[in-house]
Every structure is written in structure tokens, then in C-alpha cells.
Amino acid sequence: MSGDLVLELFILNEEKASNVFRYIRWVGGVYCPGCELFDVYKRGFSDERKITRRYSCNNCGKNFTDFTGTIFANKNLPLGEMSYIIAN
């Protein structure tokens, strides 16, 4: 990813905003928000647009997404719009 990642997150393109968010959140690798171990595997996507990835933990069995435990979890607005609102 090139350029300023924060500015790229505020672009209203849902796929690009999700990719930037994922890059920032999992910069050290995807880990379980329950037990904080990196022993996880991808379980596909949580929606038909294939934007939010699902994961499962091999250690504690917790299922989670890219947004679990963040202010973006369980919101109905697209990530790009929520990012724009936060920026302004």
C-alpha cells in the first residue's frame, strides 16, 4: 500500500477502506481477540461482497471478524462512510 494509510482509509470505497483497515489492525499478524494467540485460520467472508473476513482460533475456538472488538463491530454503515464521519 502506498501513500498515507490514514488518508486512504477515509476514501468512500468500501473494499479499499476494508483493506487499509485490515492492514492497520493486523500489522503484526491476525490474532484471536479472546486468547490473543496467533493460532488462527481464515473461514471465508461474512458477507456476499467479500469485504469482512471471518476467522476461528485453533486454541480457544472463538470465531471473530476483522472488526470484532473495534468501534466498527456490528454497525450497519459501510466502513468507508464510518471512517469519513470519524475524520470530520
PDB file of N, CA and C in Angstrom:
ATOM      1  N   MET A   1       0.840  -1.165   0.000  1.00  0.00           N
ATOM      2  CA  MET A   1       0.000   0.000   0.000  1.00  0.00           C
ATOM      3  C   MET A   1       0.887   1.230   0.000  1.00  0.00           C
ATOM      4  N   SER A   2       0.534   2.174  -0.804  1.00  0.00           N
ATOM      5  CA  SER A   2       1.353   3.360  -0.913  1.00  0.00           C
ATOM      6  C   SER A   2       0.621   4.577  -0.372  1.00  0.00           C
ATOM      7  N   GLY A   3       1.379   5.632  -0.133  1.00  0.00           N
ATOM      8  CA  GLY A   3       0.771   6.877   0.323  1.00  0.00           C
ATOM      9  C   GLY A   3       0.426   6.830   1.794  1.00  0.00           C
ATOM     10  N   ASP A   4      -0.300   7.813   2.236  1.00  0.00           N
ATOM     11  CA  ASP A   4      -0.691   7.934   3.628  1.00  0.00           C
ATOM     12  C   ASP A   4      -1.867   7.003   3.910  1.00  0.00           C
ATOM     13  N   LEU A   5      -1.653   5.989   4.734  1.00  0.00           N
ATOM     14  CA  LEU A   5      -2.694   4.991   5.006  1.00  0.00           C
ATOM     15  C   LEU A   5      -3.917   5.601   5.667  1.00  0.00           C
ATOM     16  N   VAL A   6      -3.717   6.568   6.514  1.00  0.00           N
ATOM     17  CA  VAL A   6      -4.856   7.192   7.190  1.00  0.00           C
ATOM     18  C   VAL A   6      -5.752   7.890   6.179  1.00  0.00           C
ATOM     19  N   LEU A   7      -5.164   8.624   5.256  1.00  0.00           N
ATOM     20  CA  LEU A   7      -5.970   9.302   4.237  1.00  0.00           C
ATOM     21  C   LEU A   7      -6.672   8.304   3.332  1.00  0.00           C
ATOM     22  N   GLU A   8      -6.013   7.200   3.006  1.00  0.00           N
ATOM     23  CA  GLU A   8      -6.638   6.187   2.160  1.00  0.00           C
ATOM     24  C   GLU A   8      -7.853   5.557   2.836  1.00  0.00           C
ATOM     25  N   LEU A   9      -7.827   5.455   4.169  1.00  0.00           N
ATOM     26  CA  LEU A   9      -8.939   4.866   4.905  1.00  0.00           C
ATOM     27  C   LEU A   9     -10.202   5.713   4.770  1.00  0.00           C
ATOM     28  N   PHE A  10     -10.068   7.022   4.577  1.00  0.00           N
ATOM     29  CA  PHE A  10     -11.221   7.918   4.520  1.00  0.00           C
ATOM     30  C   PHE A  10     -11.831   8.030   3.136  1.00  0.00           C
ATOM     31  N   ILE A  11     -11.336   7.279   2.178  1.00  0.00           N
ATOM     32  CA  ILE A  11     -11.939   7.229   0.851  1.00  0.00           C
ATOM     33  C   ILE A  11     -13.177   6.344   0.941  1.00  0.00           C
ATOM     34  N   LEU A  12     -14.273   6.748   0.312  1.00  0.00           N
ATOM     35  CA  LEU A  12     -15.540   6.033   0.473  1.00  0.00           C
ATOM     36  C   LEU A  12     -15.643   4.746  -0.334  1.00  0.00           C
ATOM     37  N   ASN A  13     -14.538   4.204  -0.803  1.00  0.00           N
ATOM     38  CA  ASN A  13     -14.513   2.928  -1.492  1.00  0.00           C
ATOM     39  C   ASN A  13     -14.458   1.833  -0.427  1.00  0.00           C
ATOM     40  N   GLU A  14     -15.521   1.060  -0.308  1.00  0.00           N
ATOM     41  CA  GLU A  14     -15.649   0.071   0.769  1.00  0.00           C
ATOM     42  C   GLU A  14     -14.526  -0.970   0.756  1.00  0.00           C
ATOM     43  N   GLU A  15     -14.206  -1.488  -0.402  1.00  0.00           N
ATOM     44  CA  GLU A  15     -13.170  -2.518  -0.489  1.00  0.00           C
ATOM     45  C   GLU A  15     -11.808  -1.962  -0.095  1.00  0.00           C
ATOM     46  N   LYS A  16     -11.483  -0.786  -0.578  1.00  0.00           N
ATOM     47  CA  LYS A  16     -10.195  -0.175  -0.258  1.00  0.00           C
ATOM     48  C   LYS A  16     -10.118   0.179   1.217  1.00  0.00           C
ATOM     49  N   ALA A  17     -11.189   0.744   1.774  1.00  0.00           N
ATOM     50  CA  ALA A  17     -11.210   1.083   3.195  1.00  0.00           C
ATOM     51  C   ALA A  17     -11.035  -0.175   4.046  1.00  0.00           C
ATOM     52  N   SER A  18     -11.667  -1.265   3.669  1.00  0.00           N
ATOM     53  CA  SER A  18     -11.544  -2.522   4.414  1.00  0.00           C
ATOM     54  C   SER A  18     -10.127  -3.077   4.335  1.00  0.00           C
ATOM     55  N   ASN A  19      -9.514  -3.002   3.167  1.00  0.00           N
ATOM     56  CA  ASN A  19      -8.141  -3.484   3.011  1.00  0.00           C
ATOM     57  C   ASN A  19      -7.162  -2.672   3.853  1.00  0.00           C
ATOM     58  N   VAL A  20      -7.342  -1.351   3.881  1.00  0.00           N
ATOM     59  CA  VAL A  20      -6.469  -0.497   4.688  1.00  0.00           C
ATOM     60  C   VAL A  20      -6.699  -0.780   6.169  1.00  0.00           C
ATOM     61  N   PHE A  21      -7.965  -0.900   6.581  1.00  0.00           N
ATOM     62  CA  PHE A  21      -8.275  -1.213   7.979  1.00  0.00           C
ATOM     63  C   PHE A  21      -7.625  -2.534   8.379  1.00  0.00           C
ATOM     64  N   ARG A  22      -7.771  -3.557   7.542  1.00  0.00           N
ATOM     65  CA  ARG A  22      -7.198  -4.880   7.822  1.00  0.00           C
ATOM     66  C   ARG A  22      -5.671  -4.788   7.945  1.00  0.00           C
ATOM     67  N   TYR A  23      -5.053  -4.017   7.063  1.00  0.00           N
ATOM     68  CA  TYR A  23      -3.598  -3.846   7.083  1.00  0.00           C
ATOM     69  C   TYR A  23      -3.158  -3.194   8.399  1.00  0.00           C
ATOM     70  N   ILE A  24      -3.888  -2.173   8.843  1.00  0.00           N
ATOM     71  CA  ILE A  24      -3.536  -1.476  10.080  1.00  0.00           C
ATOM     72  C   ILE A  24      -3.812  -2.358  11.294  1.00  0.00           C
ATOM     73  N   ARG A  25      -4.961  -2.995  11.338  1.00  0.00           N
ATOM     74  CA  ARG A  25      -5.333  -3.792  12.513  1.00  0.00           C
ATOM     75  C   ARG A  25      -4.427  -5.002  12.692  1.00  0.00           C
ATOM     76  N   TRP A  26      -4.135  -5.697  11.637  1.00  0.00           N
ATOM     77  CA  TRP A  26      -3.373  -6.939  11.738  1.00  0.00           C
ATOM     78  C   TRP A  26      -1.921  -6.749  11.306  1.00  0.00           C
ATOM     79  N   VAL A  27      -1.340  -5.591  11.566  1.00  0.00           N
ATOM     80  CA  VAL A  27       0.022  -5.298  11.124  1.00  0.00           C
ATOM     81  C   VAL A  27       1.027  -6.346  11.628  1.00  0.00           C
ATOM     82  N   GLY A  28       0.819  -6.892  12.819  1.00  0.00           N
ATOM     83  CA  GLY A  28       1.713  -7.916  13.349  1.00  0.00           C
ATOM     84  C   GLY A  28       1.239  -9.331  13.080  1.00  0.00           C
ATOM     85  N   GLY A  29       0.123  -9.462  12.359  1.00  0.00           N
ATOM     86  CA  GLY A  29      -0.473 -10.760  12.074  1.00  0.00           C
ATOM     87  C   GLY A  29      -1.828 -10.884  12.757  1.00  0.00           C
ATOM     88  N   VAL A  30      -2.682 -11.724  12.217  1.00  0.00           N
ATOM     89  CA  VAL A  30      -4.027 -11.909  12.776  1.00  0.00           C
ATOM     90  C   VAL A  30      -3.925 -12.727  14.054  1.00  0.00           C
ATOM     91  N   TYR A  31      -4.545 -12.222  15.122  1.00  0.00           N
ATOM     92  CA  TYR A  31      -4.545 -12.923  16.405  1.00  0.00           C
ATOM     93  C   TYR A  31      -5.962 -12.972  16.959  1.00  0.00           C
ATOM     94  N   CYS A  32      -6.205 -13.910  17.827  1.00  0.00           N
ATOM     95  CA  CYS A  32      -7.514 -14.082  18.449  1.00  0.00           C
ATOM     96  C   CYS A  32      -7.729 -12.992  19.497  1.00  0.00           C
ATOM     97  N   PRO A  33      -8.838 -12.234  19.405  1.00  0.00           N
ATOM     98  CA  PRO A  33      -9.101 -11.223  20.428  1.00  0.00           C
ATOM     99  C   PRO A  33      -9.489 -11.830  21.777  1.00  0.00           C
ATOM    100  N   GLY A  34      -9.771 -13.124  21.814  1.00  0.00           N
ATOM    101  CA  GLY A  34     -10.124 -13.792  23.062  1.00  0.00           C
ATOM    102  C   GLY A  34      -8.896 -14.197  23.864  1.00  0.00           C
ATOM    103  N   CYS A  35      -8.036 -15.018  23.265  1.00  0.00           N
ATOM    104  CA  CYS A  35      -6.861 -15.515  23.977  1.00  0.00           C
ATOM    105  C   CYS A  35      -5.563 -14.847  23.526  1.00  0.00           C
ATOM    106  N   GLU A  36      -5.648 -13.995  22.515  1.00  0.00           N
ATOM    107  CA  GLU A  36      -4.526 -13.211  21.986  1.00  0.00           C
ATOM    108  C   GLU A  36      -3.392 -14.056  21.405  1.00  0.00           C
ATOM    109  N   LEU A  37      -3.718 -15.253  20.934  1.00  0.00           N
ATOM    110  CA  LEU A  37      -2.717 -16.085  20.260  1.00  0.00           C
ATOM    111  C   LEU A  37      -2.877 -15.957  18.744  1.00  0.00           C
ATOM    112  N   PHE A  38      -1.795 -16.212  18.028  1.00  0.00           N
ATOM    113  CA  PHE A  38      -1.793 -16.086  16.573  1.00  0.00           C
ATOM    114  C   PHE A  38      -2.201 -17.377  15.863  1.00  0.00           C
ATOM    115  N   ASP A  39      -2.660 -18.363  16.598  1.00  0.00           N
ATOM    116  CA  ASP A  39      -3.028 -19.668  16.047  1.00  0.00           C
ATOM    117  C   ASP A  39      -4.469 -19.622  15.518  1.00  0.00           C
ATOM    118  N   VAL A  40      -4.663 -18.929  14.388  1.00  0.00           N
ATOM    119  CA  VAL A  40      -5.998 -18.745  13.811  1.00  0.00           C
ATOM    120  C   VAL A  40      -6.001 -19.193  12.351  1.00  0.00           C
ATOM    121  N   TYR A  41      -7.204 -19.429  11.828  1.00  0.00           N
ATOM    122  CA  TYR A  41      -7.334 -19.749  10.418  1.00  0.00           C
ATOM    123  C   TYR A  41      -8.503 -18.976   9.823  1.00  0.00           C
ATOM    124  N   LYS A  42      -8.393 -18.683   8.527  1.00  0.00           N
ATOM    125  CA  LYS A  42      -9.442 -17.945   7.823  1.00  0.00           C
ATOM    126  C   LYS A  42     -10.632 -18.855   7.574  1.00  0.00           C
ATOM    127  N   ARG A  43     -11.846 -18.283   7.709  1.00  0.00           N
ATOM    128  CA  ARG A  43     -13.088 -19.019   7.473  1.00  0.00           C
ATOM    129  C   ARG A  43     -13.909 -18.388   6.369  1.00  0.00           C
ATOM    130  N   GLY A  44     -13.290 -17.669   5.485  1.00  0.00           N
ATOM    131  CA  GLY A  44     -14.027 -17.030   4.395  1.00  0.00           C
ATOM    132  C   GLY A  44     -14.415 -15.614   4.749  1.00  0.00           C
ATOM    133  N   PHE A  45     -15.577 -15.198   4.243  1.00  0.00           N
ATOM    134  CA  PHE A  45     -16.039 -13.827   4.433  1.00  0.00           C
ATOM    135  C   PHE A  45     -17.414 -13.830   5.085  1.00  0.00           C
ATOM    136  N   SER A  46     -17.742 -12.723   5.776  1.00  0.00           N
ATOM    137  CA  SER A  46     -19.019 -12.657   6.489  1.00  0.00           C
ATOM    138  C   SER A  46     -20.142 -12.070   5.652  1.00  0.00           C
ATOM    139  N   ASP A  47     -19.848 -11.644   4.437  1.00  0.00           N
ATOM    140  CA  ASP A  47     -20.892 -11.072   3.589  1.00  0.00           C
ATOM    141  C   ASP A  47     -20.642 -11.425   2.126  1.00  0.00           C
ATOM    142  N   GLU A  48     -21.651 -11.241   1.307  1.00  0.00           N
ATOM    143  CA  GLU A  48     -21.547 -11.610  -0.107  1.00  0.00           C
ATOM    144  C   GLU A  48     -20.606 -10.701  -0.892  1.00  0.00           C
ATOM    145  N   ARG A  49     -20.309  -9.507  -0.360  1.00  0.00           N
ATOM    146  CA  ARG A  49     -19.391  -8.595  -1.055  1.00  0.00           C
ATOM    147  C   ARG A  49     -17.937  -8.984  -0.842  1.00  0.00           C
ATOM    148  N   LYS A  50     -17.689  -9.920   0.060  1.00  0.00           N
ATOM    149  CA  LYS A  50     -16.349 -10.422   0.372  1.00  0.00           C
ATOM    150  C   LYS A  50     -15.428  -9.303   0.844  1.00  0.00           C
ATOM    151  N   ILE A  51     -15.928  -8.560   1.844  1.00  0.00           N
ATOM    152  CA  ILE A  51     -15.139  -7.460   2.396  1.00  0.00           C
ATOM    153  C   ILE A  51     -14.635  -7.788   3.803  1.00  0.00           C
ATOM    154  N   THR A  52     -15.497  -8.311   4.663  1.00  0.00           N
ATOM    155  CA  THR A  52     -15.116  -8.611   6.041  1.00  0.00           C
ATOM    156  C   THR A  52     -14.739 -10.074   6.177  1.00  0.00           C
ATOM    157  N   ARG A  53     -13.487 -10.334   6.548  1.00  0.00           N
ATOM    158  CA  ARG A  53     -13.025 -11.712   6.694  1.00  0.00           C
ATOM    159  C   ARG A  53     -13.433 -12.280   8.044  1.00  0.00           C
ATOM    160  N   ARG A  54     -13.713 -13.591   8.039  1.00  0.00           N
ATOM    161  CA  ARG A  54     -14.023 -14.332   9.270  1.00  0.00           C
ATOM    162  C   ARG A  54     -12.828 -15.214   9.616  1.00  0.00           C
ATOM    163  N   TYR A  55     -12.621 -15.415  10.918  1.00  0.00           N
ATOM    164  CA  TYR A  55     -11.526 -16.238  11.406  1.00  0.00           C
ATOM    165  C   TYR A  55     -12.021 -17.108  12.555  1.00  0.00           C
ATOM    166  N   SER A  56     -11.274 -18.172  12.838  1.00  0.00           N
ATOM    167  CA  SER A  56     -11.500 -19.005  14.017  1.00  0.00           C
ATOM    168  C   SER A  56     -10.164 -19.252  14.686  1.00  0.00           C
ATOM    169  N   CYS A  57     -10.202 -19.362  16.010  1.00  0.00           N
ATOM    170  CA  CYS A  57      -8.992 -19.617  16.785  1.00  0.00           C
ATOM    171  C   CYS A  57      -8.844 -21.118  17.011  1.00  0.00           C
ATOM    172  N   ASN A  58      -7.676 -21.646  16.712  1.00  0.00           N
ATOM    173  CA  ASN A  58      -7.405 -23.062  16.949  1.00  0.00           C
ATOM    174  C   ASN A  58      -7.220 -23.366  18.436  1.00  0.00           C
ATOM    175  N   ASN A  59      -6.895 -22.352  19.234  1.00  0.00           N
ATOM    176  CA  ASN A  59      -6.643 -22.554  20.657  1.00  0.00           C
ATOM    177  C   ASN A  59      -7.935 -22.540  21.478  1.00  0.00           C
ATOM    178  N   CYS A  60      -8.709 -21.447  21.399  1.00  0.00           N
ATOM    179  CA  CYS A  60      -9.898 -21.332  22.247  1.00  0.00           C
ATOM    180  C   CYS A  60     -11.213 -21.547  21.492  1.00  0.00           C
ATOM    181  N   GLY A  61     -11.163 -21.635  20.163  1.00  0.00           N
ATOM    182  CA  GLY A  61     -12.360 -21.893  19.373  1.00  0.00           C
ATOM    183  C   GLY A  61     -13.215 -20.671  19.076  1.00  0.00           C
ATOM    184  N   LYS A  62     -12.777 -19.488  19.492  1.00  0.00           N
ATOM    185  CA  LYS A  62     -13.549 -18.263  19.264  1.00  0.00           C
ATOM    186  C   LYS A  62     -13.618 -17.952  17.768  1.00  0.00           C
ATOM    187  N   ASN A  63     -14.802 -17.536  17.317  1.00  0.00           N
ATOM    188  CA  ASN A  63     -14.988 -17.049  15.953  1.00  0.00           C
ATOM    189  C   ASN A  63     -15.004 -15.533  16.006  1.00  0.00           C
ATOM    190  N   PHE A  64     -14.350 -14.882  15.039  1.00  0.00           N
ATOM    191  CA  PHE A  64     -14.297 -13.429  15.020  1.00  0.00           C
ATOM    192  C   PHE A  64     -14.072 -12.927  13.597  1.00  0.00           C
ATOM    193  N   THR A  65     -14.256 -11.620  13.418  1.00  0.00           N
ATOM    194  CA  THR A  65     -14.057 -10.978  12.116  1.00  0.00           C
ATOM    195  C   THR A  65     -12.987  -9.905  12.257  1.00  0.00           C
ATOM    196  N   ASP A  66     -12.697  -9.238  11.137  1.00  0.00           N
ATOM    197  CA  ASP A  66     -11.738  -8.135  11.164  1.00  0.00           C
ATOM    198  C   ASP A  66     -12.164  -7.039  12.132  1.00  0.00           C
ATOM    199  N   PHE A  67     -13.467  -6.884  12.350  1.00  0.00           N
ATOM    200  CA  PHE A  67     -13.985  -5.775  13.142  1.00  0.00           C
ATOM    201  C   PHE A  67     -14.335  -6.129  14.581  1.00  0.00           C
ATOM    202  N   THR A  68     -14.234  -7.388  14.976  1.00  0.00           N
ATOM    203  CA  THR A  68     -14.548  -7.804  16.343  1.00  0.00           C
ATOM    204  C   THR A  68     -13.694  -7.026  17.339  1.00  0.00           C
ATOM    205  N   GLY A  69     -14.354  -6.453  18.339  1.00  0.00           N
ATOM    206  CA  GLY A  69     -13.635  -5.715  19.373  1.00  0.00           C
ATOM    207  C   GLY A  69     -13.254  -4.301  18.998  1.00  0.00           C
ATOM    208  N   THR A  70     -13.776  -3.799  17.874  1.00  0.00           N
ATOM    209  CA  THR A  70     -13.484  -2.429  17.453  1.00  0.00           C
ATOM    210  C   THR A  70     -14.779  -1.618  17.449  1.00  0.00           C
ATOM    211  N   ILE A  71     -14.665  -0.324  17.245  1.00  0.00           N
ATOM    212  CA  ILE A  71     -15.856   0.521  17.174  1.00  0.00           C
ATOM    213  C   ILE A  71     -16.677   0.235  15.926  1.00  0.00           C
ATOM    214  N   PHE A  72     -16.113  -0.495  14.976  1.00  0.00           N
ATOM    215  CA  PHE A  72     -16.815  -0.809  13.733  1.00  0.00           C
ATOM    216  C   PHE A  72     -17.630  -2.100  13.807  1.00  0.00           C
ATOM    217  N   ALA A  73     -17.495  -2.848  14.885  1.00  0.00           N
ATOM    218  CA  ALA A  73     -18.212  -4.119  15.029  1.00  0.00           C
ATOM    219  C   ALA A  73     -19.718  -3.887  15.111  1.00  0.00           C
ATOM    220  N   ASN A  74     -20.478  -4.738  14.438  1.00  0.00           N
ATOM    221  CA  ASN A  74     -21.947  -4.733  14.477  1.00  0.00           C
ATOM    222  C   ASN A  74     -22.587  -3.414  14.040  1.00  0.00           C
ATOM    223  N   LYS A  75     -21.952  -2.719  13.133  1.00  0.00           N
ATOM    224  CA  LYS A  75     -22.512  -1.476  12.594  1.00  0.00           C
ATOM    225  C   LYS A  75     -23.074  -1.742  11.204  1.00  0.00           C
ATOM    226  N   ASN A  76     -24.124  -0.994  10.843  1.00  0.00           N
ATOM    227  CA  ASN A  76     -24.763  -1.180   9.539  1.00  0.00           C
ATOM    228  C   ASN A  76     -24.234  -0.250   8.463  1.00  0.00           C
ATOM    229  N   LEU A  77     -23.509   0.804   8.847  1.00  0.00           N
ATOM    230  CA  LEU A  77     -22.933   1.706   7.857  1.00  0.00           C
ATOM    231  C   LEU A  77     -21.694   1.076   7.235  1.00  0.00           C
ATOM    232  N   PRO A  78     -21.430   1.349   5.965  1.00  0.00           N
ATOM    233  CA  PRO A  78     -20.192   0.867   5.350  1.00  0.00           C
ATOM    234  C   PRO A  78     -18.969   1.477   6.044  1.00  0.00           C
ATOM    235  N   LEU A  79     -17.865   0.754   6.060  1.00  0.00           N
ATOM    236  CA  LEU A  79     -16.641   1.206   6.719  1.00  0.00           C
ATOM    237  C   LEU A  79     -16.165   2.542   6.159  1.00  0.00           C
ATOM    238  N   GLY A  80     -16.232   2.724   4.866  1.00  0.00           N
ATOM    239  CA  GLY A  80     -15.791   3.979   4.267  1.00  0.00           C
ATOM    240  C   GLY A  80     -16.578   5.163   4.795  1.00  0.00           C
ATOM    241  N   GLU A  81     -17.885   5.005   4.957  1.00  0.00           N
ATOM    242  CA  GLU A  81     -18.715   6.092   5.486  1.00  0.00           C
ATOM    243  C   GLU A  81     -18.410   6.342   6.957  1.00  0.00           C
ATOM    244  N   MET A  82     -18.245   5.281   7.747  1.00  0.00           N
ATOM    245  CA  MET A  82     -17.932   5.469   9.164  1.00  0.00           C
ATOM    246  C   MET A  82     -16.587   6.167   9.322  1.00  0.00           C
ATOM    247  N   SER A  83     -15.613   5.816   8.514  1.00  0.00           N
ATOM    248  CA  SER A  83     -14.301   6.447   8.565  1.00  0.00           C
ATOM    249  C   SER A  83     -14.390   7.921   8.219  1.00  0.00           C
ATOM    250  N   TYR A  84     -15.203   8.243   7.231  1.00  0.00           N
ATOM    251  CA  TYR A  84     -15.384   9.637   6.819  1.00  0.00           C
ATOM    252  C   TYR A  84     -16.022  10.440   7.954  1.00  0.00           C
ATOM    253  N   ILE A  85     -17.020   9.870   8.631  1.00  0.00           N
ATOM    254  CA  ILE A  85     -17.682  10.551   9.737  1.00  0.00           C
ATOM    255  C   ILE A  85     -16.690  10.811  10.871  1.00  0.00           C
ATOM    256  N   ILE A  86     -15.875   9.841  11.189  1.00  0.00           N
ATOM    257  CA  ILE A  86     -14.892   9.993  12.259  1.00  0.00           C
ATOM    258  C   ILE A  86     -13.868  11.073  11.918  1.00  0.00           C
ATOM    259  N   ALA A  87     -13.483  11.156  10.646  1.00  0.00           N
ATOM    260  CA  ALA A  87     -12.458  12.118  10.208  1.00  0.00           C
ATOM    261  C   ALA A  87     -12.965  13.552  10.236  1.00  0.00           C
ATOM    262  N   ASN A  88     -14.268  13.721  10.121  1.00  0.00           N
ATOM    263  CA  ASN A  88     -14.799  15.088  10.031  1.00  0.00           C
ATOM    264  C   ASN A  88     -15.496  15.514  11.254  1.00  0.00           C
TER     265      ASN A  88
END
